[in-house]
């Protein structure tokens, strides 16, 4: 997860505050000292940290906190709001021109993932029933045009190209005319990057901007470069007047300082975040939801949105009925795993569930995509009858299943035991998904309840 180290440190700090009935000024100062160190270690810009801490301190030492019955919770709420403001406050939506097409110019250094992000953005727009056109404007990097064409074929979005012998300015102008002539409502121009910012590259980008008048100029930056990402954003913004930033590799960055600094330093909103390598792993950036994740409060809204997009409602109802009647089989389990996989990597899903980040490292909840893969292999090695009636799986059948799935008999035994436990738990808690039900489920997990993922 992005911000993993920062999230862990902040949650420890606020865990200590939460338990206190009263807070002194010294308690607040000690907590803020730890918050300051955590932010600096996460590679957040020094000036940004200084201003952030000053704002929290001003509010946290006020009367509203000191006289509160739950002062720790009030401080956490203040930090949550300030963290949200630091990253932009509200979601910054993509521009939409009154006179189509809306022109988006993608800029950034080589290696930040600009071409891939261009394809991901087209996919996202396509899902929203738009008709994007991609323009291959990077004529310098070997295979850049081919890469964009392959991405276009993959997502069934047309790519406009004039090869690598025409100037990028002419390609952009011709691409704009092509979009107008063919009814495309979004035009996304992939431009050339360099290993570092240079005058020639900037001149070319400025000329493209002058000729096509883009509605959006989005800078693609690698979140893992930390402070360098902020410096790059500053430089591009100064010369191109950026309208937004797209952070890539946010799933691989345990520090995440760029996401917390770039808006404060440049004034440019983060519009999207790439959270994986898959073509649909690009999400609108919600400052409030990201702040909530960092503070361990989860991100239920994003989880619900993902579920609405990917989970079959009819299948979900049928599954609920089977759970209630104790008819849940390994076939249903396999079907559920396929649906869960559509939502994204397991560790990212757990980060969205309030309180689950604490369970992630626990012995009883070792869940990852590799373990899911092993589990799927075991289930697929069962016969149809075995999937429907796990109780018939005797020692010789277990040995055959282990051999067929490339696992051990112990792995098969463990899965069957965990599946049986889970089936009992599901029956017990189906229809009890209110606060009491969740509380009971949490208690079960604490008593050794394990997920059947290997």
Protein backbone atom coordinates (compact mmCIF):
# COMPACT_ATOMS: atom_id res chain seq x y z
CA UNK A 1 0.00 0.00 0.00
CA UNK A 2 1.04 3.58 -0.60
CA UNK A 3 2.00 5.35 2.65
CA UNK A 4 2.39 2.02 4.47
CA UNK A 5 5.18 3.25 6.76
CA UNK A 6 3.49 6.60 7.35
CA UNK A 7 0.11 4.98 8.03
CA UNK A 8 1.62 2.58 10.54
CA UNK A 9 3.45 5.36 12.41
CA UNK A 10 0.46 7.71 12.51
CA UNK A 11 -1.91 4.97 13.66
CA UNK A 12 0.46 4.12 16.54
CA UNK A 13 0.62 7.79 17.57
CA UNK A 14 -3.15 8.23 17.52
CA UNK A 15 -3.73 4.87 19.19
CA UNK A 16 -2.00 6.30 22.28
CA UNK A 17 -4.12 9.47 22.18
CA UNK A 18 -7.38 7.58 21.72
CA UNK A 19 -7.18 5.93 25.11
CA UNK A 20 -6.72 9.14 27.09
CA UNK A 21 -9.65 10.77 28.89
CA UNK A 22 -7.81 14.09 29.09
CA UNK A 23 -5.09 15.61 26.93
CA UNK A 24 -2.51 18.09 28.13
CA UNK A 25 -0.61 20.47 25.86
CA UNK A 26 2.45 18.25 26.38
CA UNK A 27 0.49 15.19 25.14
CA UNK A 28 -0.43 17.06 21.95
CA UNK A 29 3.14 18.34 21.46
CA UNK A 30 4.60 14.83 21.90
CA UNK A 31 2.13 13.40 19.40
CA UNK A 32 2.80 16.14 16.85
CA UNK A 33 6.56 15.64 17.20
CA UNK A 34 6.07 12.01 16.18
CA UNK A 35 3.73 13.02 13.34
CA UNK A 36 6.35 15.49 12.08
CA UNK A 37 9.08 12.81 12.06
CA UNK A 38 6.76 10.33 10.34
CA UNK A 39 5.96 12.83 7.57
CA UNK A 40 9.61 13.73 7.01
CA UNK A 41 10.54 10.04 6.84
CA UNK A 42 7.77 9.59 4.27
CA UNK A 43 9.64 12.14 2.11
CA UNK A 44 7.08 14.93 2.50
CA UNK A 45 8.48 18.37 1.64
CA UNK A 46 9.99 20.09 4.74
CA UNK A 47 8.06 23.38 4.28
CA UNK A 48 4.82 21.44 3.79
CA UNK A 49 5.42 19.50 7.03
CA UNK A 50 6.18 22.69 8.96
CA UNK A 51 2.95 24.41 7.85
CA UNK A 52 0.88 21.25 8.33
CA UNK A 53 2.04 20.75 11.95
CA UNK A 54 1.52 24.45 12.74
CA UNK A 55 -2.12 24.29 11.53
CA UNK A 56 -2.88 21.16 13.56
CA UNK A 57 -1.22 22.55 16.67
CA UNK A 58 -3.23 25.78 16.46
CA UNK A 59 -6.51 23.82 16.36
CA UNK A 60 -5.53 20.93 18.66
CA UNK A 61 -4.52 23.10 21.61
CA UNK A 62 -7.80 25.03 21.41
CA UNK A 63 -10.72 24.73 23.84
CA UNK A 64 -12.73 22.36 21.60
CA UNK A 65 -10.14 19.62 22.22
CA UNK A 66 -9.22 20.21 25.83
CA UNK A 67 -12.86 20.30 27.00
CA UNK A 68 -14.02 17.39 24.86
CA UNK A 69 -15.07 14.06 26.41
CA UNK A 70 -13.06 12.30 23.66
CA UNK A 71 -10.07 14.61 23.09
CA UNK A 72 -8.04 11.95 21.25
CA UNK A 73 -10.79 11.45 18.68
CA UNK A 74 -11.11 15.22 18.17
CA UNK A 75 -7.36 15.48 17.45
CA UNK A 76 -7.59 12.59 14.94
CA UNK A 77 -10.53 14.34 13.26
CA UNK A 78 -8.49 17.57 13.01
CA UNK A 79 -5.55 15.67 11.46
CA UNK A 80 -7.91 13.92 9.04
CA UNK A 81 -9.36 17.24 7.85
CA UNK A 82 -5.94 18.91 7.52
CA UNK A 83 -4.53 15.89 5.67
CA UNK A 84 -7.49 16.03 3.28
CA UNK A 85 -6.93 19.77 2.68
CA UNK A 86 -3.20 19.17 2.15
CA UNK A 87 -3.96 16.78 -0.74
CA UNK A 88 -6.49 19.13 -2.35
CA UNK A 89 -9.63 18.98 -0.21
CA UNK A 90 -12.07 17.64 -2.79
CA UNK A 91 -11.78 15.46 -5.87
CA UNK A 92 -10.69 17.46 -8.91
CA UNK A 93 -12.63 16.23 -11.93
CA UNK A 94 -11.41 16.01 -15.50
CA UNK A 95 -12.34 18.99 -17.66
CA UNK A 96 -15.02 18.62 -20.32
CA UNK A 97 -15.14 21.00 -23.25
CA UNK A 98 -18.46 22.53 -24.34
CA UNK A 99 -17.28 22.01 -27.90
CA UNK A 100 -15.91 18.43 -28.33
CA UNK A 101 -13.37 17.04 -28.39
CA UNK A 102 -11.95 17.74 -24.94
CA UNK A 103 -8.17 17.84 -25.51
CA UNK A 104 -5.88 16.26 -22.92
CA UNK A 105 -2.12 16.61 -23.22
CA UNK A 106 -0.06 14.07 -21.29
CA UNK A 107 3.43 15.26 -20.26
CA UNK A 108 6.21 13.96 -18.04
CA UNK A 109 9.70 12.50 -17.86
CA UNK A 110 10.65 9.25 -19.57
CA UNK A 111 10.06 6.23 -17.34
CA UNK A 112 7.19 7.73 -15.32
CA UNK A 113 4.65 5.54 -17.13
CA UNK A 114 3.20 8.25 -19.39
CA UNK A 115 2.27 6.07 -22.38
CA UNK A 116 0.73 3.35 -20.19
CA UNK A 117 -1.20 5.99 -18.21
CA UNK A 118 -2.46 7.47 -21.49
CA UNK A 119 -3.96 4.05 -22.33
CA UNK A 120 -5.39 3.68 -18.80
CA UNK A 121 -7.07 7.09 -19.00
CA UNK A 122 -8.61 6.16 -22.36
CA UNK A 123 -9.95 2.94 -20.81
CA UNK A 124 -11.45 4.90 -17.89
CA UNK A 125 -13.17 7.35 -20.26
CA UNK A 126 -14.42 4.46 -22.39
CA UNK A 127 -16.06 2.90 -19.31
CA UNK A 128 -17.89 6.21 -18.85
CA UNK A 129 -19.33 5.88 -22.39
CA UNK A 130 -16.96 8.40 -24.02
CA UNK A 131 -15.27 7.96 -27.40
CA UNK A 132 -11.58 8.79 -26.85
CA UNK A 133 -8.91 8.99 -29.56
CA UNK A 134 -5.25 8.45 -28.70
CA UNK A 135 -2.53 10.43 -30.51
CA UNK A 136 0.99 8.98 -30.78
CA UNK A 137 3.06 12.14 -30.36
CA UNK A 138 6.26 10.60 -28.97
CA UNK A 139 8.45 10.18 -32.06
CA UNK A 140 11.75 9.92 -30.18
CA UNK A 141 11.55 6.94 -27.83
CA UNK A 142 12.01 3.68 -29.73
CA UNK A 143 8.77 1.68 -29.88
CA UNK A 144 6.70 4.41 -28.12
CA UNK A 145 4.27 4.56 -31.07
CA UNK A 146 4.02 0.77 -31.21
CA UNK A 147 3.43 0.59 -27.44
CA UNK A 148 0.50 3.02 -27.71
CA UNK A 149 -0.93 1.10 -30.68
CA UNK A 150 -0.77 -2.18 -28.76
CA UNK A 151 -2.55 -0.55 -25.80
CA UNK A 152 -5.16 0.88 -28.17
CA UNK A 153 -5.83 -2.55 -29.68
CA UNK A 154 -6.09 -4.06 -26.20
CA UNK A 155 -8.81 -1.63 -25.09
CA UNK A 156 -10.33 -1.14 -28.57
CA UNK A 157 -9.57 2.59 -28.71
CA UNK A 158 -8.26 4.01 -32.03
CA UNK A 159 -4.74 5.44 -32.18
CA UNK A 160 -3.85 8.29 -34.56
CA UNK A 161 -0.27 8.20 -35.84
CA UNK A 162 1.77 9.78 -38.63
CA UNK A 163 4.88 7.71 -37.87
CA UNK A 164 8.13 9.09 -36.47
CA UNK A 165 9.15 11.38 -39.36
CA UNK A 166 6.48 14.08 -38.86
CA UNK A 167 6.89 16.73 -36.16
CA UNK A 168 4.90 16.19 -32.92
CA UNK A 169 3.23 19.59 -33.42
CA UNK A 170 1.88 18.56 -36.85
CA UNK A 171 0.82 15.15 -35.48
CA UNK A 172 -1.13 16.85 -32.65
CA UNK A 173 -2.85 19.28 -35.08
CA UNK A 174 -3.78 16.48 -37.51
CA UNK A 175 -4.95 14.29 -34.63
CA UNK A 176 -7.27 17.07 -33.41
CA UNK A 177 -8.80 17.44 -36.87
CA UNK A 178 -9.22 13.65 -37.13
CA UNK A 179 -11.05 13.60 -33.76
CA UNK A 180 -13.43 16.37 -34.93
CA UNK A 181 -14.10 14.62 -38.25
CA UNK A 182 -14.82 11.26 -36.62
CA UNK A 183 -16.95 12.24 -33.63
CA UNK A 184 -14.47 11.58 -30.81
CA UNK A 185 -15.35 13.51 -27.64
CA UNK A 186 -11.90 13.15 -25.98
CA UNK A 187 -8.46 13.50 -27.57
CA UNK A 188 -5.49 12.26 -25.50
CA UNK A 189 -2.06 13.26 -26.80
CA UNK A 190 0.91 11.18 -25.66
CA UNK A 191 3.97 13.46 -25.83
CA UNK A 192 7.70 12.72 -25.66
CA UNK A 193 9.56 12.60 -22.37
CA UNK A 194 13.27 12.86 -21.57
CA UNK A 195 15.42 11.46 -18.82
CA UNK A 196 15.59 15.02 -17.47
CA UNK A 197 13.89 18.33 -18.21
CA UNK A 198 15.56 20.19 -21.08
CA UNK A 199 14.87 23.32 -23.14
CA UNK A 200 14.21 21.47 -26.41
CA UNK A 201 11.54 19.25 -24.86
CA UNK A 202 9.80 22.21 -23.18
CA UNK A 203 9.82 24.28 -26.39
CA UNK A 204 8.14 21.42 -28.25
CA UNK A 205 5.48 20.97 -25.53
CA UNK A 206 4.80 24.73 -25.47
CA UNK A 207 4.30 24.69 -29.28
CA UNK A 208 1.86 21.76 -29.05
CA UNK A 209 -0.07 23.63 -26.34
CA UNK A 210 -0.24 26.77 -28.51
CA UNK A 211 -1.54 24.87 -31.56
CA UNK A 212 -4.15 22.56 -29.96
CA UNK A 213 -5.19 24.64 -26.88
CA UNK A 214 -5.60 21.65 -24.51
CA UNK A 215 -8.35 21.69 -21.89
CA UNK A 216 -6.11 19.62 -19.62
CA UNK A 217 -2.33 19.35 -19.32
CA UNK A 218 -1.71 16.38 -17.05
CA UNK A 219 1.73 15.68 -15.64
CA UNK A 220 2.46 11.99 -15.10
CA UNK A 221 4.89 11.50 -12.21
CA UNK A 222 6.28 8.39 -10.56
CA UNK A 223 5.24 8.52 -6.88
CA UNK A 224 8.28 6.41 -5.95
CA UNK A 225 10.67 9.25 -6.85
CA UNK A 226 9.55 11.16 -3.73
CA UNK A 227 10.78 14.75 -3.58
CA UNK A 228 12.08 14.58 -7.16
CA UNK A 229 8.47 14.17 -8.30
CA UNK A 230 7.60 17.47 -6.61
CA UNK A 231 10.60 19.24 -8.21
CA UNK A 232 9.62 17.89 -11.65
CA UNK A 233 6.02 19.06 -11.10
CA UNK A 234 7.23 22.55 -10.13
CA UNK A 235 9.38 22.84 -13.24
CA UNK A 236 6.66 21.64 -15.65
CA UNK A 237 4.04 23.83 -14.00
CA UNK A 238 6.20 26.92 -14.26
CA UNK A 239 6.52 26.55 -18.05
CA UNK A 240 3.32 24.77 -19.11
CA UNK A 241 0.71 25.80 -16.51
CA UNK A 242 -0.39 22.29 -15.64
CA UNK A 243 -4.02 21.60 -14.83
CA UNK A 244 -3.40 18.40 -12.87
CA UNK A 245 -1.12 15.55 -11.86
CA UNK A 246 -1.40 11.79 -12.29
CA UNK A 247 0.61 9.76 -9.76
CA UNK A 248 1.82 6.37 -10.99
CA UNK A 249 3.14 3.43 -8.98
CA UNK A 250 1.26 4.63 -5.91
CA UNK A 251 0.68 0.99 -4.95
CA UNK A 252 4.44 0.36 -4.75
CA UNK A 253 5.42 3.45 -2.78
CA UNK A 254 5.66 2.85 0.95
CA UNK A 255 6.62 6.50 1.59
CA UNK A 256 4.15 8.46 -0.55
CA UNK A 257 5.59 11.90 0.17
CA UNK A 258 4.95 13.09 -3.37
CA UNK A 259 1.19 12.69 -3.01
CA UNK A 260 1.22 14.74 0.18
CA UNK A 261 3.52 17.47 -1.20
CA UNK A 262 2.70 18.01 -4.86
CA UNK A 263 -0.62 19.88 -4.38
CA UNK A 264 0.75 22.09 -1.60
CA UNK A 265 3.93 22.98 -3.50
CA UNK A 266 2.55 23.48 -7.02
CA UNK A 267 -1.12 24.21 -6.43
CA UNK A 268 -1.93 21.53 -9.05
CA UNK A 269 -4.54 18.98 -7.98
CA UNK A 270 -3.83 15.26 -8.15
CA UNK A 271 -6.55 14.09 -10.53
CA UNK A 272 -5.74 10.38 -10.85
CA UNK A 273 -3.64 7.69 -9.18
CA UNK A 274 -2.39 4.50 -10.85
CA UNK A 275 -2.62 1.67 -8.34
CA UNK A 276 -1.30 -1.28 -10.34
CA UNK A 277 -0.09 -2.53 -13.71
CA UNK A 278 -3.44 -3.62 -15.17
CA UNK A 279 -5.00 -1.39 -17.84
CA UNK A 280 -7.96 -0.56 -15.57
CA UNK A 281 -5.78 0.24 -12.53
CA UNK A 282 -6.32 4.01 -12.70
CA UNK A 283 -8.63 5.70 -10.22
CA UNK A 284 -9.84 9.26 -9.64
CA UNK A 285 -7.91 10.68 -6.67
CA UNK A 286 -10.08 11.48 -3.65
CA UNK A 287 -8.10 13.40 -0.99
CA UNK A 288 -10.64 12.61 1.76
CA UNK A 289 -10.60 8.88 1.02
CA UNK A 290 -6.80 8.76 0.88
CA UNK A 291 -6.52 10.63 4.20
CA UNK A 292 -8.96 8.14 5.71
CA UNK A 293 -6.84 5.20 4.48
CA UNK A 294 -3.65 6.73 5.85
CA UNK A 295 -5.24 7.12 9.29
CA UNK A 296 -6.52 3.51 9.28
CA UNK A 297 -10.17 4.45 8.88
CA UNK A 298 -10.52 2.53 5.62
CA UNK A 299 -12.11 3.66 2.37
CA UNK A 300 -15.54 2.06 2.25
CA UNK A 301 -16.86 4.32 -0.54
CA UNK A 302 -14.21 3.16 -3.03
CA UNK A 303 -14.79 -0.45 -1.98
CA UNK A 304 -18.55 -0.06 -2.59
CA UNK A 305 -17.91 1.55 -6.00
CA UNK A 306 -15.59 -1.30 -7.00
CA UNK A 307 -18.19 -3.85 -5.86
CA UNK A 308 -20.97 -2.13 -7.87
CA UNK A 309 -18.79 -2.15 -10.99
CA UNK A 310 -17.55 -5.72 -10.73
CA UNK A 311 -19.93 -7.88 -8.71
CA UNK A 312 -23.01 -9.53 -10.19
CA UNK A 313 -25.97 -8.51 -7.97
CA UNK A 314 -28.02 -11.61 -8.83
CA UNK A 315 -25.13 -13.90 -7.97
CA UNK A 316 -24.64 -12.04 -4.68
CA UNK A 317 -28.31 -12.60 -3.73
CA UNK A 318 -28.11 -16.29 -4.60
CA UNK A 319 -24.92 -16.61 -2.56
CA UNK A 320 -26.57 -14.97 0.46
CA UNK A 321 -29.43 -17.50 0.18
CA UNK A 322 -26.96 -20.41 0.03
CA UNK A 323 -25.07 -19.11 3.08
CA UNK A 324 -28.30 -18.83 5.03
CA UNK A 325 -29.33 -22.38 4.12
CA UNK A 326 -25.86 -23.90 4.59
CA UNK A 327 -25.64 -24.84 0.89
CA UNK A 328 -22.35 -23.02 0.22
CA UNK A 329 -20.01 -25.31 -1.80
CA UNK A 330 -16.47 -25.15 -3.13
CA UNK A 331 -18.01 -24.27 -6.53
CA UNK A 332 -19.60 -21.17 -4.97
CA UNK A 333 -16.33 -20.43 -3.20
CA UNK A 334 -14.44 -20.55 -6.53
CA UNK A 335 -17.03 -18.28 -8.12
CA UNK A 336 -16.68 -15.81 -5.23
CA UNK A 337 -12.89 -15.79 -5.55
CA UNK A 338 -13.20 -14.96 -9.24
CA UNK A 339 -15.47 -12.02 -8.38
CA UNK A 340 -13.17 -10.82 -5.60
CA UNK A 341 -10.17 -10.94 -8.00
CA UNK A 342 -12.00 -8.48 -10.27
CA UNK A 343 -11.93 -5.92 -7.44
CA UNK A 344 -8.13 -5.79 -7.40
CA UNK A 345 -5.22 -7.06 -5.26
CA UNK A 346 -6.32 -8.44 -1.87
CA UNK A 347 -3.97 -6.23 0.17
CA UNK A 348 -5.47 -3.10 -1.47
CA UNK A 349 -9.00 -4.30 -0.62
CA UNK A 350 -8.01 -4.88 3.01
CA UNK A 351 -6.63 -1.33 3.19
CA UNK A 352 -10.11 -0.06 2.32
CA UNK A 353 -11.77 -1.89 5.22
CA UNK A 354 -11.79 0.02 8.52
CA UNK A 355 -9.53 -1.69 11.07
CA UNK A 356 -8.42 -4.45 8.67
CA UNK A 357 -4.97 -2.91 8.21
CA UNK A 358 -4.18 -4.01 11.77
CA UNK A 359 -5.22 -7.59 11.00
CA UNK A 360 -3.22 -7.73 7.76
CA UNK A 361 0.00 -8.68 9.47
CA UNK A 362 -1.61 -11.00 12.00
CA UNK A 363 -0.87 -14.74 11.99
CA UNK A 364 -4.53 -15.58 11.44
CA UNK A 365 -4.92 -13.38 8.38
CA UNK A 366 -2.12 -14.07 5.94
CA UNK A 367 -3.91 -13.20 2.73
CA UNK A 368 -2.23 -12.42 -0.57
CA UNK A 369 -2.74 -13.09 -4.27
CA UNK A 370 -0.21 -15.97 -4.40
CA UNK A 371 -2.03 -17.79 -1.61
CA UNK A 372 -5.30 -17.21 -3.45
CA UNK A 373 -3.70 -18.78 -6.54
CA UNK A 374 -2.71 -21.89 -4.58
CA UNK A 375 -6.20 -22.15 -3.15
CA UNK A 376 -7.77 -21.91 -6.62
CA UNK A 377 -5.40 -24.66 -7.84
CA UNK A 378 -6.49 -26.98 -4.98
CA UNK A 379 -10.21 -26.39 -5.62
CA UNK A 380 -9.82 -26.88 -9.37
CA UNK A 381 -8.11 -30.24 -8.72
CA UNK A 382 -11.29 -31.52 -7.03
CA UNK A 383 -13.98 -33.41 -8.92
CA UNK A 384 -17.44 -31.83 -9.26
CA UNK A 385 -18.79 -34.18 -6.58
CA UNK A 386 -15.93 -33.31 -4.19
CA UNK A 387 -16.58 -29.57 -4.64
CA UNK A 388 -20.25 -30.08 -3.82
CA UNK A 389 -19.71 -32.56 -0.97
CA UNK A 390 -16.36 -31.80 0.74
CA UNK A 391 -17.20 -34.38 3.45
CA UNK A 392 -16.43 -37.24 0.99
CA UNK A 393 -12.80 -36.12 0.55
CA UNK A 394 -10.91 -38.93 2.32
CA UNK A 395 -7.14 -39.47 2.64
CA UNK A 396 -6.59 -40.93 -0.85
CA UNK A 397 -8.64 -38.16 -2.47
CA UNK A 398 -6.65 -35.52 -0.55
CA UNK A 399 -3.41 -37.05 -1.83
CA UNK A 400 -4.69 -36.95 -5.42
CA UNK A 401 -5.86 -33.32 -5.05
CA UNK A 402 -2.47 -32.29 -3.62
CA UNK A 403 -0.61 -33.93 -6.51
CA UNK A 404 -2.95 -32.38 -9.08
CA UNK A 405 -2.59 -28.86 -7.65
CA UNK A 406 1.15 -28.95 -6.99
CA UNK A 407 0.61 -28.50 -3.25
CA UNK A 408 0.95 -30.73 -0.18
CA UNK A 409 -1.61 -32.88 1.63
CA UNK A 410 -1.19 -30.52 4.60
CA UNK A 411 -2.22 -27.59 2.35
CA UNK A 412 -5.33 -29.50 1.24
CA UNK A 413 -6.18 -30.47 4.85
CA UNK A 414 -5.79 -26.87 5.98
CA UNK A 415 -8.01 -25.53 3.19
CA UNK A 416 -10.81 -28.03 3.85
CA UNK A 417 -10.69 -27.26 7.60
CA UNK A 418 -10.71 -23.50 6.99
CA UNK A 419 -13.49 -23.82 4.43
CA UNK A 420 -15.60 -25.76 6.93
CA UNK A 421 -14.95 -23.13 9.63
CA UNK A 422 -15.79 -20.34 7.20
CA UNK A 423 -19.02 -22.04 6.12
CA UNK A 424 -20.12 -22.28 9.75
CA UNK A 425 -19.21 -18.63 10.32
CA UNK A 426 -21.07 -17.52 7.19
CA UNK A 427 -24.23 -19.28 8.29
CA UNK A 428 -23.93 -17.74 11.72
CA UNK A 429 -23.40 -14.22 10.46
CA UNK A 430 -25.55 -14.09 7.31
CA UNK A 431 -28.32 -11.58 8.00
CA UNK A 432 -26.27 -10.08 10.85
CA UNK A 433 -24.22 -7.58 8.87
CA UNK A 434 -25.12 -4.62 11.08
CA UNK A 435 -22.73 -3.26 13.74
CA UNK A 436 -23.38 -6.21 16.06
CA UNK A 437 -22.70 -8.72 13.33
CA UNK A 438 -19.42 -7.05 12.39
CA UNK A 439 -18.44 -6.91 16.06
CA UNK A 440 -19.14 -10.62 16.43
CA UNK A 441 -17.16 -11.41 13.28
CA UNK A 442 -14.21 -9.41 14.58
CA UNK A 443 -14.36 -11.46 17.80
CA UNK A 444 -14.34 -14.68 15.79
CA UNK A 445 -11.25 -13.58 13.89
CA UNK A 446 -9.56 -12.79 17.17
CA UNK A 447 -10.22 -16.34 18.36
CA UNK A 448 -8.34 -17.95 15.48
CA UNK A 449 -10.82 -17.69 12.65
CA UNK A 450 -8.83 -17.95 9.43
CA UNK A 451 -9.58 -17.09 5.81
CA UNK A 452 -9.35 -20.12 3.48
CA UNK A 453 -6.63 -18.75 1.21
CA UNK A 454 -3.92 -21.35 1.75
